[in-house]
Amino acid sequence: MIRVPAAALLAATCLSAPLSAQAHAAQSQAARPWEEAGPVQSIVRSNGSTDPAVRGIWRSRGYGWLLEIDEAGVTRYQEGTTCYRPPLAQNAQSEMDSARYRYFRALPGGQAAIFQLLEGDTNVVFDRLPALPPACSAPTDRKPGAVATAFLDHFERHYAFFDRRPPGFAARRAALRAKMHPGMDEAQLWDALAAFMEGLSDSHTKLLGEVDGQRRRVQDGQGETLPRIRAREGGEPAWLGALIEQTTAKLGESARTAGGGRIVWGVIDGRVGYLQVFVMGGFTERNDFATPQWAEAEMAAFNDALDQALADFARLDGVIVDLSNNRGGWDQIAKALPARFLDSAQTGFTTRARGSGLAPFPHTITPATGARFAGPVYVMTSDVTVSGGELATLAFRQNPRVTQVGTRTRGAFSTPLAKPLPNGWLLELANETFAAPDGTVYEETGLAPEIELEIYPEEAPVAGHWNAVEAVAAMVPRTRERRAQPR
């Protein structure tokens, strides 16, 4: 199994400590605008024009967005030390870069509103401005110095975890400024920005762009297992293919797949249900990410698969939910999965964006209306488990019938904030703090299992996985009376 050095374990203990009483008191006094907001409304009406109630200039609390909404649509600006309109690109550089606000909820007085990408998504509060700031109308400076200034400004205002991923911002900023010089080309600028990000160990923070006609990407924090697998012959695709082939063979006639192979389930020894979810989304072939139609189709595909799986598990002794290879995805799926194993509503986790001035938002998870399982649940995790996989694990841990087994999760929870730079490169960074209901934050440290068990041993990362599954199945207590499926 992966061992954490004593010094790192001590640091992890300090970093994941619950909030103090003073911090809780401060948060209790912070704003909760979602409690008084009006109903969800579409920014764009059925005739293609915007709702008159939302037209105007809007500045976000946190996030660094400024929106200009007229009858024809929404224009988005980046605002901080400077204000600029990002270059118009033919294609989005990432899924988060493609997402746009589609809904709003009016707040009392009409001078503020909540904007959302999808219904039920993050509550981003915007305040009305009387006019577009003059700086936003000025021509965008795309020279290296201006790009570096915007890059540093985005990090200083929005990155939430320099305290957990040292060195801090000041040291990184000084090192970047020392690399800047007149006449530098875009390759030198790229290398300088990349050096700023070195060692952040945050898979949600990345730089994407084109340098001298070549696509480039800077991203750190992949854990230990994935880099090791990628260095092997055949790399990650061969490994995943072998894992799926092994799993379906071991499950035999009970094996089922859904969601384009991203959900696999079956029954072990006639008494333990096994459910593996590789990602929190991508279950359909739709490519209109973050549209209402995409969301509806994704949720329908997920619910159909889970209804079938839990029907197969209805009278079994227990269920293994394998998130040891879950790469994250849509938060709504990450909440819908633990809802299949709940008896009553609970807060799964909270979120808070840096600079928003808002209280942590509690994400309430209610028992699913479809098939559910009421017996013991064992959630398998590893350092491959990341993002939405960690959110689901965090929510599962609030359920007293759930035991986490495996190794620590990756420790990268935050939804990436997409910040296009003045020259067209894209910066994504972690600006939201996800916490357990008691305020404990697991960013960087990850979620430690209750029972340690190596899932992907270096010498046998395929066979070792199923050995771990069988070890977990043996932990499930036998019951004489099969459990009835709750409704």
Protein backbone atom coordinates (compact mmCIF):
# COMPACT_ATOMS: atom_id res chain seq x y z
CA MET A 1 0.00 0.00 0.00
CA ILE A 2 1.03 3.65 -0.38
CA ARG A 3 2.58 4.92 2.83
CA VAL A 4 2.48 8.58 3.84
CA PRO A 5 5.75 9.84 5.40
CA ALA A 6 5.40 10.91 9.02
CA ALA A 7 6.06 14.58 8.23
CA ALA A 8 3.45 14.59 5.51
CA LEU A 9 0.99 12.81 7.77
CA LEU A 10 1.49 15.47 10.43
CA ALA A 11 0.98 18.21 7.86
CA ALA A 12 -2.13 16.48 6.62
CA THR A 13 -3.51 16.34 10.13
CA CYS A 14 -3.00 20.07 10.54
CA LEU A 15 -4.37 20.97 7.13
CA SER A 16 -7.55 18.98 7.50
CA ALA A 17 -8.46 20.27 10.95
CA PRO A 18 -12.07 21.42 11.40
CA LEU A 19 -12.83 25.10 11.49
CA SER A 20 -12.42 26.90 14.79
CA ALA A 21 -15.42 28.20 16.71
CA GLN A 22 -14.50 31.74 15.63
CA ALA A 23 -14.38 30.69 11.97
CA HIS A 24 -17.75 28.98 12.27
CA ALA A 25 -19.19 32.13 13.85
CA ALA A 26 -17.83 34.29 11.03
CA GLN A 27 -19.30 31.98 8.43
CA SER A 28 -22.67 31.96 10.18
CA GLN A 29 -22.84 35.74 9.71
CA ALA A 30 -21.96 35.63 6.01
CA ALA A 31 -24.56 36.17 3.31
CA ARG A 32 -26.85 33.38 2.13
CA PRO A 33 -28.60 34.99 -0.85
CA TRP A 34 -29.90 31.67 -2.16
CA GLU A 35 -32.36 31.66 0.74
CA GLU A 36 -34.16 34.75 -0.58
CA ALA A 37 -33.66 34.44 -4.33
CA GLY A 38 -36.60 34.20 -6.73
CA PRO A 39 -37.40 31.27 -9.01
CA VAL A 40 -34.99 30.03 -11.67
CA GLN A 41 -35.46 31.83 -14.99
CA SER A 42 -33.73 31.49 -18.37
CA ILE A 43 -31.49 34.37 -19.41
CA VAL A 44 -32.46 33.78 -23.05
CA ARG A 45 -36.16 33.44 -23.85
CA SER A 46 -37.70 31.06 -26.37
CA ASN A 47 -37.64 33.75 -29.12
CA GLY A 48 -33.85 34.09 -28.79
CA SER A 49 -33.82 37.45 -27.00
CA THR A 50 -32.73 37.96 -23.41
CA ASP A 51 -35.13 38.50 -20.54
CA PRO A 52 -35.47 42.31 -20.04
CA ALA A 53 -35.21 41.84 -16.28
CA VAL A 54 -31.60 40.69 -16.56
CA ARG A 55 -30.29 43.15 -19.16
CA GLY A 56 -27.52 45.47 -18.04
CA ILE A 57 -23.98 45.31 -16.65
CA TRP A 58 -23.20 42.75 -13.95
CA ARG A 59 -20.10 42.15 -11.80
CA SER A 60 -19.58 38.83 -10.02
CA ARG A 61 -18.65 38.43 -6.37
CA GLY A 62 -15.51 36.38 -6.74
CA TYR A 63 -14.82 34.57 -10.04
CA GLY A 64 -13.63 37.75 -11.83
CA TRP A 65 -16.46 37.95 -14.37
CA LEU A 66 -18.18 41.01 -15.78
CA LEU A 67 -21.23 40.46 -18.01
CA GLU A 68 -22.81 42.86 -20.47
CA ILE A 69 -26.31 41.64 -21.32
CA ASP A 70 -28.30 43.32 -24.07
CA GLU A 71 -31.29 42.16 -26.08
CA ALA A 72 -29.13 40.04 -28.39
CA GLY A 73 -27.13 38.12 -25.80
CA VAL A 74 -24.33 38.05 -23.23
CA THR A 75 -20.80 39.42 -23.61
CA ARG A 76 -18.31 38.24 -21.03
CA TYR A 77 -15.26 40.16 -19.77
CA GLN A 78 -12.41 39.23 -17.44
CA GLU A 79 -12.07 41.76 -14.65
CA GLY A 80 -9.43 42.29 -12.03
CA THR A 81 -6.50 44.69 -12.02
CA THR A 82 -7.30 45.09 -15.70
CA CYS A 83 -10.46 44.42 -17.70
CA TYR A 84 -10.44 42.77 -21.09
CA ARG A 85 -12.58 40.79 -23.45
CA PRO A 86 -10.87 37.47 -24.25
CA PRO A 87 -10.11 36.75 -27.92
CA LEU A 88 -12.97 35.02 -29.68
CA ALA A 89 -11.94 31.41 -30.35
CA GLN A 90 -13.54 29.12 -32.91
CA ASN A 91 -13.51 26.20 -30.47
CA ALA A 92 -13.44 26.12 -26.67
CA GLN A 93 -10.15 24.89 -25.24
CA SER A 94 -11.81 22.92 -22.43
CA GLU A 95 -15.27 21.91 -21.28
CA MET A 96 -15.24 24.54 -18.55
CA ASP A 97 -14.24 27.19 -21.11
CA SER A 98 -17.30 26.25 -23.17
CA ALA A 99 -19.78 26.67 -20.30
CA ARG A 100 -21.91 29.83 -20.18
CA TYR A 101 -24.47 31.17 -17.73
CA ARG A 102 -27.98 30.17 -18.81
CA TYR A 103 -30.13 30.87 -15.75
CA PHE A 104 -30.66 33.57 -13.17
CA ARG A 105 -32.54 34.01 -9.89
CA ALA A 106 -33.46 37.58 -9.04
CA LEU A 107 -32.62 38.90 -5.58
CA PRO A 108 -34.82 41.43 -3.71
CA GLY A 109 -34.38 44.99 -4.95
CA GLY A 110 -33.27 44.04 -8.45
CA GLN A 111 -29.66 45.18 -7.90
CA ALA A 112 -28.25 41.68 -7.53
CA ALA A 113 -28.98 38.23 -8.91
CA ILE A 114 -27.71 34.68 -8.79
CA PHE A 115 -26.41 33.32 -12.11
CA GLN A 116 -26.07 29.59 -12.83
CA LEU A 117 -24.74 27.41 -15.64
CA LEU A 118 -27.45 24.79 -15.06
CA GLU A 119 -30.38 24.58 -12.68
CA GLY A 120 -29.14 23.59 -9.23
CA ASP A 121 -25.53 24.52 -10.03
CA THR A 122 -23.18 26.81 -8.11
CA ASN A 123 -24.76 30.05 -6.92
CA VAL A 124 -22.65 32.90 -8.36
CA VAL A 125 -23.89 36.28 -7.16
CA PHE A 126 -23.64 39.28 -9.52
CA ASP A 127 -24.27 42.95 -8.68
CA ARG A 128 -25.58 45.51 -11.14
CA LEU A 129 -23.27 48.28 -12.32
CA PRO A 130 -24.51 51.59 -13.79
CA ALA A 131 -22.25 51.25 -16.82
CA LEU A 132 -19.45 49.21 -18.34
CA PRO A 133 -16.13 50.30 -16.75
CA PRO A 134 -14.12 52.32 -19.33
CA ALA A 135 -11.15 49.95 -19.05
CA CYS A 136 -13.28 47.13 -20.47
CA SER A 137 -13.80 49.04 -23.72
CA ALA A 138 -10.09 49.73 -24.29
CA PRO A 139 -8.18 47.60 -26.84
CA THR A 140 -6.83 44.41 -25.26
CA ASP A 141 -3.08 44.41 -24.69
CA ARG A 142 -1.77 41.01 -25.77
CA LYS A 143 1.95 41.60 -25.20
CA PRO A 144 3.84 39.22 -22.86
CA GLY A 145 3.90 41.72 -19.99
CA ALA A 146 0.13 42.19 -20.10
CA VAL A 147 -0.46 38.44 -20.32
CA ALA A 148 1.77 37.82 -17.29
CA THR A 149 0.01 40.60 -15.36
CA ALA A 150 -3.42 39.06 -16.02
CA PHE A 151 -2.09 35.58 -15.17
CA LEU A 152 -0.72 36.76 -11.82
CA ASP A 153 -3.86 38.74 -11.06
CA HIS A 154 -6.10 35.70 -11.63
CA PHE A 155 -3.97 33.60 -9.29
CA GLU A 156 -3.77 36.26 -6.59
CA ARG A 157 -7.52 36.91 -6.60
CA HIS A 158 -8.91 33.45 -7.14
CA TYR A 159 -6.53 30.57 -6.34
CA ALA A 160 -7.64 29.16 -3.00
CA PHE A 161 -4.85 26.82 -1.93
CA PHE A 162 -1.40 28.42 -1.78
CA ASP A 163 -1.50 27.69 1.97
CA ARG A 164 -1.77 23.98 1.18
CA ARG A 165 0.57 23.92 -1.82
CA PRO A 166 3.62 26.06 -1.00
CA PRO A 167 5.59 28.12 -1.81
CA GLY A 168 3.06 30.93 -1.59
CA PHE A 169 1.94 33.43 -4.16
CA ALA A 170 4.52 36.11 -3.32
CA ALA A 171 7.48 33.79 -3.92
CA ARG A 172 6.03 32.49 -7.16
CA ARG A 173 5.21 36.00 -8.37
CA ALA A 174 8.76 37.21 -7.68
CA ALA A 175 10.23 34.26 -9.58
CA LEU A 176 7.96 34.92 -12.58
CA ARG A 177 8.74 38.63 -12.68
CA ALA A 178 12.44 37.83 -12.62
CA LYS A 179 11.99 35.81 -15.80
CA MET A 180 10.19 38.60 -17.67
CA HIS A 181 12.24 40.75 -20.05
CA PRO A 182 11.64 43.04 -23.04
CA GLY A 183 11.41 41.29 -26.36
CA MET A 184 10.66 37.82 -24.97
CA ASP A 185 8.84 35.54 -27.40
CA GLU A 186 5.76 33.42 -26.69
CA ALA A 187 7.81 30.27 -26.02
CA GLN A 188 9.77 32.12 -23.32
CA LEU A 189 6.56 33.52 -21.87
CA TRP A 190 5.02 30.04 -21.80
CA ASP A 191 8.04 28.64 -19.97
CA ALA A 192 7.89 31.47 -17.42
CA LEU A 193 4.19 30.89 -16.69
CA ALA A 194 4.72 27.13 -16.54
CA ALA A 195 7.53 27.60 -14.00
CA PHE A 196 5.14 29.61 -11.79
CA MET A 197 2.83 26.57 -11.65
CA GLU A 198 5.56 24.01 -10.99
CA GLY A 199 4.95 21.97 -7.86
CA LEU A 200 1.36 23.09 -7.27
CA SER A 201 0.38 19.40 -7.44
CA ASP A 202 -3.17 20.43 -8.32
CA SER A 203 -4.76 18.55 -11.20
CA HIS A 204 -7.52 21.18 -11.41
CA THR A 205 -5.03 23.93 -12.22
CA LYS A 206 -3.67 23.96 -15.75
CA LEU A 207 -2.47 26.13 -18.61
CA LEU A 208 -3.58 25.37 -22.17
CA GLY A 209 -2.48 27.09 -25.34
CA GLU A 210 -0.72 27.06 -28.68
CA VAL A 211 2.96 27.97 -28.94
CA ASP A 212 4.58 28.25 -32.35
CA GLY A 213 1.74 26.25 -33.87
CA GLN A 214 1.96 23.42 -31.31
CA ARG A 215 -0.66 22.66 -28.65
CA ARG A 216 0.77 22.72 -25.13
CA ARG A 217 -0.51 21.86 -21.68
CA VAL A 218 0.86 22.32 -18.17
CA GLN A 219 -0.80 20.22 -15.47
CA ASP A 220 0.59 18.77 -12.28
CA GLY A 221 -0.77 16.66 -9.46
CA GLN A 222 -1.63 13.32 -11.06
CA GLY A 223 -0.83 11.27 -7.97
CA GLU A 224 1.49 8.26 -8.04
CA THR A 225 -0.54 5.57 -9.76
CA LEU A 226 -1.35 7.28 -13.06
CA PRO A 227 2.21 8.45 -13.90
CA ARG A 228 3.44 4.95 -13.13
CA ILE A 229 0.78 3.38 -15.37
CA ARG A 230 1.43 5.83 -18.21
CA ALA A 231 5.09 4.87 -18.19
CA ARG A 232 4.26 1.20 -18.79
CA GLU A 233 3.94 -0.43 -22.19
CA GLY A 234 0.50 0.34 -23.59
CA GLY A 235 0.02 3.08 -21.04
CA GLU A 236 -3.32 4.04 -19.58
CA PRO A 237 -5.58 2.77 -22.41
CA ALA A 238 -4.17 -0.76 -22.16
CA TRP A 239 -4.49 -0.70 -18.38
CA LEU A 240 -8.11 0.45 -18.41
CA GLY A 241 -9.02 -2.07 -21.08
CA ALA A 242 -7.45 -4.89 -19.07
CA LEU A 243 -9.24 -3.77 -15.90
CA ILE A 244 -12.65 -3.77 -17.60
CA GLU A 245 -11.99 -7.12 -19.27
CA GLN A 246 -10.94 -8.64 -15.96
CA THR A 247 -13.93 -7.20 -14.10
CA THR A 248 -16.52 -8.45 -16.57
CA ALA A 249 -14.86 -11.88 -16.66
CA LYS A 250 -14.87 -12.17 -12.87
CA LEU A 251 -18.50 -11.05 -12.63
CA GLY A 252 -19.44 -13.67 -15.24
CA GLU A 253 -23.04 -13.84 -16.37
CA SER A 254 -24.06 -11.16 -13.90
CA ALA A 255 -21.82 -8.54 -15.57
CA ARG A 256 -23.60 -5.52 -17.05
CA THR A 257 -22.35 -2.26 -18.55
CA ALA A 258 -24.03 1.05 -19.33
CA GLY A 259 -23.20 4.64 -20.14
CA GLY A 260 -20.80 3.80 -22.93
CA GLY A 261 -18.93 1.36 -20.68
CA ARG A 262 -18.43 3.98 -17.98
CA ILE A 263 -20.66 2.12 -15.51
CA VAL A 264 -20.08 -1.59 -14.76
CA TRP A 265 -21.92 -3.78 -12.28
CA GLY A 266 -22.60 -7.35 -11.30
CA VAL A 267 -22.89 -9.74 -8.34
CA ILE A 268 -20.03 -11.44 -6.47
CA ASP A 269 -20.63 -14.90 -4.98
CA GLY A 270 -24.38 -14.42 -5.23
CA ARG A 271 -24.46 -12.11 -2.21
CA VAL A 272 -22.45 -8.87 -2.80
CA GLY A 273 -23.31 -6.24 -5.37
CA TYR A 274 -20.43 -4.60 -7.24
CA LEU A 275 -20.79 -1.22 -8.95
CA GLN A 276 -17.93 0.62 -10.63
CA VAL A 277 -18.39 4.18 -11.90
CA PHE A 278 -15.43 5.52 -13.89
CA VAL A 279 -16.63 9.10 -14.41
CA MET A 280 -19.43 11.36 -13.22
CA GLY A 281 -20.87 11.95 -16.67
CA GLY A 282 -20.17 11.29 -20.32
CA PHE A 283 -22.80 8.55 -20.40
CA THR A 284 -24.27 9.72 -23.71
CA GLU A 285 -22.81 10.67 -27.09
CA ARG A 286 -24.03 14.27 -26.85
CA ASN A 287 -21.40 16.95 -27.41
CA ASP A 288 -23.45 19.98 -26.28
CA PHE A 289 -21.81 20.09 -22.84
CA ALA A 290 -23.55 22.13 -20.11
CA THR A 291 -26.76 22.64 -22.06
CA PRO A 292 -30.10 21.73 -20.46
CA GLN A 293 -30.55 19.01 -23.09
CA TRP A 294 -27.16 17.53 -22.25
CA ALA A 295 -27.94 17.59 -18.53
CA GLU A 296 -31.31 15.91 -18.99
CA ALA A 297 -29.86 13.17 -21.19
CA GLU A 298 -26.92 12.52 -18.87
CA MET A 299 -29.11 12.26 -15.79
CA ALA A 300 -31.58 9.99 -17.59
CA ALA A 301 -28.80 7.63 -18.68
CA PHE A 302 -27.34 7.53 -15.18
CA ASN A 303 -30.69 6.92 -13.51
CA ASP A 304 -31.58 4.16 -15.94
CA ALA A 305 -28.29 2.37 -15.22
CA LEU A 306 -28.61 2.76 -11.44
CA ASP A 307 -32.22 1.55 -11.47
CA GLN A 308 -31.08 -1.62 -13.23
CA ALA A 309 -28.05 -2.13 -10.99
CA LEU A 310 -29.90 -1.64 -7.72
CA ALA A 311 -32.71 -3.88 -8.87
CA ASP A 312 -30.04 -6.57 -9.22
CA PHE A 313 -28.74 -5.74 -5.71
CA ALA A 314 -32.13 -5.57 -3.97
CA ARG A 315 -31.78 -8.58 -1.68
CA LEU A 316 -28.00 -8.86 -1.34
CA ASP A 317 -25.90 -8.65 1.82
CA GLY A 318 -24.03 -5.51 0.81
CA VAL A 319 -22.77 -3.41 -2.07
CA ILE A 320 -19.28 -2.33 -3.14
CA VAL A 321 -19.20 1.06 -4.89
CA ASP A 322 -15.86 1.16 -6.68
CA LEU A 323 -14.67 4.74 -7.18
CA SER A 324 -10.99 3.75 -7.24
CA ASN A 325 -10.71 4.78 -10.91
CA ASN A 326 -13.21 7.64 -10.93
CA ARG A 327 -11.90 10.72 -12.76
CA GLY A 328 -14.68 13.10 -11.72
CA GLY A 329 -17.15 15.02 -13.85
CA TRP A 330 -20.50 16.65 -13.22
CA ASP A 331 -21.31 17.46 -9.59
CA GLN A 332 -24.97 16.53 -10.00
CA ILE A 333 -23.98 12.93 -10.79
CA ALA A 334 -21.53 12.99 -7.88
CA LYS A 335 -24.48 13.81 -5.61
CA ALA A 336 -26.97 11.48 -7.32
CA LEU A 337 -24.79 8.39 -6.70
CA PRO A 338 -24.73 8.52 -2.86
CA ALA A 339 -28.45 9.45 -2.96
CA ARG A 340 -29.07 5.85 -4.06
CA PHE A 341 -27.90 4.62 -0.66
CA LEU A 342 -29.50 7.18 1.66
CA ASP A 343 -32.28 6.70 4.20
CA SER A 344 -32.86 10.41 4.88
CA ALA A 345 -31.71 13.80 3.58
CA GLN A 346 -28.25 14.96 4.60
CA THR A 347 -25.68 17.63 3.78
CA GLY A 348 -23.05 15.92 1.65
CA PHE A 349 -20.56 18.80 1.57
CA THR A 350 -20.34 22.59 1.33
CA THR A 351 -18.77 24.92 -1.24
CA ARG A 352 -17.42 28.44 -1.01
CA ALA A 353 -15.63 30.51 -3.66
CA ARG A 354 -12.68 32.68 -2.74
CA GLY A 355 -13.59 36.36 -2.75
CA SER A 356 -17.35 35.80 -2.88
CA GLY A 357 -18.06 36.97 0.67
CA LEU A 358 -20.77 34.32 0.93
CA ALA A 359 -21.34 31.65 3.53
CA PRO A 360 -20.47 28.07 2.55
CA PHE A 361 -23.31 26.67 0.46
CA PRO A 362 -24.67 23.37 1.83
CA HIS A 363 -25.26 20.72 -0.83
CA THR A 364 -28.23 18.76 0.43
CA ILE A 365 -28.55 15.21 -0.85
CA THR A 366 -31.98 13.64 -0.61
CA PRO A 367 -32.77 9.94 -1.03
CA ALA A 368 -33.28 9.07 -4.69
CA THR A 369 -36.81 8.47 -5.94
CA GLY A 370 -35.64 5.42 -7.89
CA ALA A 371 -34.30 2.13 -6.53
CA ARG A 372 -32.15 2.41 -3.40
CA PHE A 373 -30.08 0.04 -1.26
CA ALA A 374 -30.43 -0.01 2.54
CA GLY A 375 -27.62 -2.37 3.57
CA PRO A 376 -23.88 -1.99 4.21
CA VAL A 377 -21.91 -0.10 1.55
CA TYR A 378 -18.15 -0.22 0.96
CA VAL A 379 -16.65 2.60 -1.15
CA MET A 380 -13.30 1.80 -2.76
CA THR A 381 -10.88 4.70 -3.41
CA SER A 382 -7.32 5.31 -4.54
CA ASP A 383 -5.14 8.25 -5.58
CA VAL A 384 -6.80 8.00 -9.00
CA THR A 385 -10.08 9.01 -7.33
CA VAL A 386 -10.36 12.73 -7.97
CA SER A 387 -12.71 15.70 -8.28
CA GLY A 388 -16.32 14.49 -8.60
CA GLY A 389 -15.17 11.07 -7.42
CA GLU A 390 -13.96 12.72 -4.23
CA LEU A 391 -17.17 14.71 -3.84
CA ALA A 392 -19.18 11.51 -4.02
CA THR A 393 -16.83 9.88 -1.51
CA LEU A 394 -17.14 12.85 0.84
CA ALA A 395 -20.94 12.63 0.62
CA PHE A 396 -20.87 8.86 1.12
CA ARG A 397 -18.82 9.34 4.31
CA GLN A 398 -21.73 11.19 5.92
CA ASN A 399 -23.76 7.96 5.71
CA PRO A 400 -23.20 5.74 8.80
CA ARG A 401 -23.72 2.59 6.71
CA VAL A 402 -20.74 3.40 4.47
CA THR A 403 -17.12 2.29 4.96
CA GLN A 404 -14.32 3.76 2.82
CA VAL A 405 -11.71 1.17 1.84
CA GLY A 406 -8.50 1.53 -0.18
CA THR A 407 -5.97 4.37 -0.25
CA ARG A 408 -6.20 8.15 -0.02
CA THR A 409 -7.99 10.05 -2.74
CA ARG A 410 -6.13 12.59 -4.89
CA GLY A 411 -7.05 15.73 -2.95
CA ALA A 412 -8.30 17.93 -5.81
CA PHE A 413 -11.95 18.85 -5.21
CA SER A 414 -12.51 22.32 -6.66
CA THR A 415 -14.39 22.90 -9.89
CA PRO A 416 -11.86 24.52 -12.29
CA LEU A 417 -12.40 28.23 -12.91
CA ALA A 418 -11.66 28.96 -16.59
CA LYS A 419 -9.80 32.25 -17.10
CA PRO A 420 -8.90 33.02 -20.74
CA LEU A 421 -5.74 35.15 -20.95
CA PRO A 422 -5.43 38.23 -23.21
CA ASN A 423 -3.45 36.33 -25.86
CA GLY A 424 -5.91 33.43 -26.14
CA TRP A 425 -4.22 30.94 -23.82
CA LEU A 426 -6.46 29.42 -21.15
CA LEU A 427 -5.70 29.27 -17.45
CA GLU A 428 -7.84 27.02 -15.24
CA LEU A 429 -7.43 27.23 -11.48
CA ALA A 430 -9.05 25.96 -8.30
CA ASN A 431 -11.04 28.76 -6.65
CA GLU A 432 -13.71 26.89 -4.67
CA THR A 433 -13.23 25.25 -1.28
CA PHE A 434 -15.21 22.06 -0.78
CA ALA A 435 -15.59 20.97 2.83
CA ALA A 436 -17.29 18.33 4.94
CA PRO A 437 -20.39 19.52 6.84
CA ASP A 438 -18.23 20.10 9.95
CA GLY A 439 -15.93 22.42 7.99
CA THR A 440 -13.05 20.00 7.47
CA VAL A 441 -11.22 20.61 4.18
CA TYR A 442 -9.40 17.76 2.44
CA GLU A 443 -7.86 19.63 -0.49
CA GLU A 444 -4.32 18.34 -1.15
CA THR A 445 -4.48 15.81 1.73
CA GLY A 446 -7.24 13.70 0.19
CA LEU A 447 -9.75 11.51 1.97
CA ALA A 448 -8.07 8.77 4.00
CA PRO A 449 -9.87 5.39 4.08
CA GLU A 450 -11.13 3.78 7.25
CA ILE A 451 -9.57 0.51 6.10
CA GLU A 452 -6.29 0.71 4.17
CA LEU A 453 -5.99 -1.65 1.23
CA GLU A 454 -3.75 -1.36 -1.84
CA ILE A 455 -5.90 -1.18 -4.96
CA TYR A 456 -3.33 -0.86 -7.77
CA PRO A 457 -0.05 -2.41 -6.53
CA GLU A 458 2.94 -1.47 -8.66
CA GLU A 459 3.81 -5.08 -9.45
CA ALA A 460 0.26 -6.06 -10.45
CA PRO A 461 -1.99 -3.03 -11.20
CA VAL A 462 -4.59 -5.17 -12.98
CA ALA A 463 -4.73 -8.43 -11.00
CA GLY A 464 -4.22 -6.50 -7.78
CA HIS A 465 -7.42 -4.56 -8.38
CA TRP A 466 -9.64 -7.62 -8.40
CA ASN A 467 -7.76 -9.09 -5.47
CA ALA A 468 -8.74 -5.94 -3.59
CA VAL A 469 -12.36 -6.25 -4.71
CA GLU A 470 -12.51 -9.81 -3.38
CA ALA A 471 -10.94 -8.69 -0.10
CA VAL A 472 -13.64 -6.04 0.28
CA ALA A 473 -16.38 -8.52 -0.62
CA ALA A 474 -15.12 -10.74 2.21
CA MET A 475 -15.66 -7.82 4.61
CA VAL A 476 -19.40 -7.72 3.90
CA PRO A 477 -21.22 -9.47 6.74
CA ARG A 478 -23.51 -12.33 5.83
CA THR A 479 -27.18 -11.91 6.68
CA ARG A 480 -29.77 -14.66 6.93
CA GLU A 481 -32.62 -12.46 5.86
CA ARG A 482 -32.20 -10.71 2.53
CA ARG A 483 -32.88 -7.00 2.60
CA ALA A 484 -35.93 -5.59 0.95
CA GLN A 485 -35.47 -2.77 -1.54
CA PRO A 486 -36.67 0.58 -0.11
CA ARG A 487 -39.10 2.66 -2.12
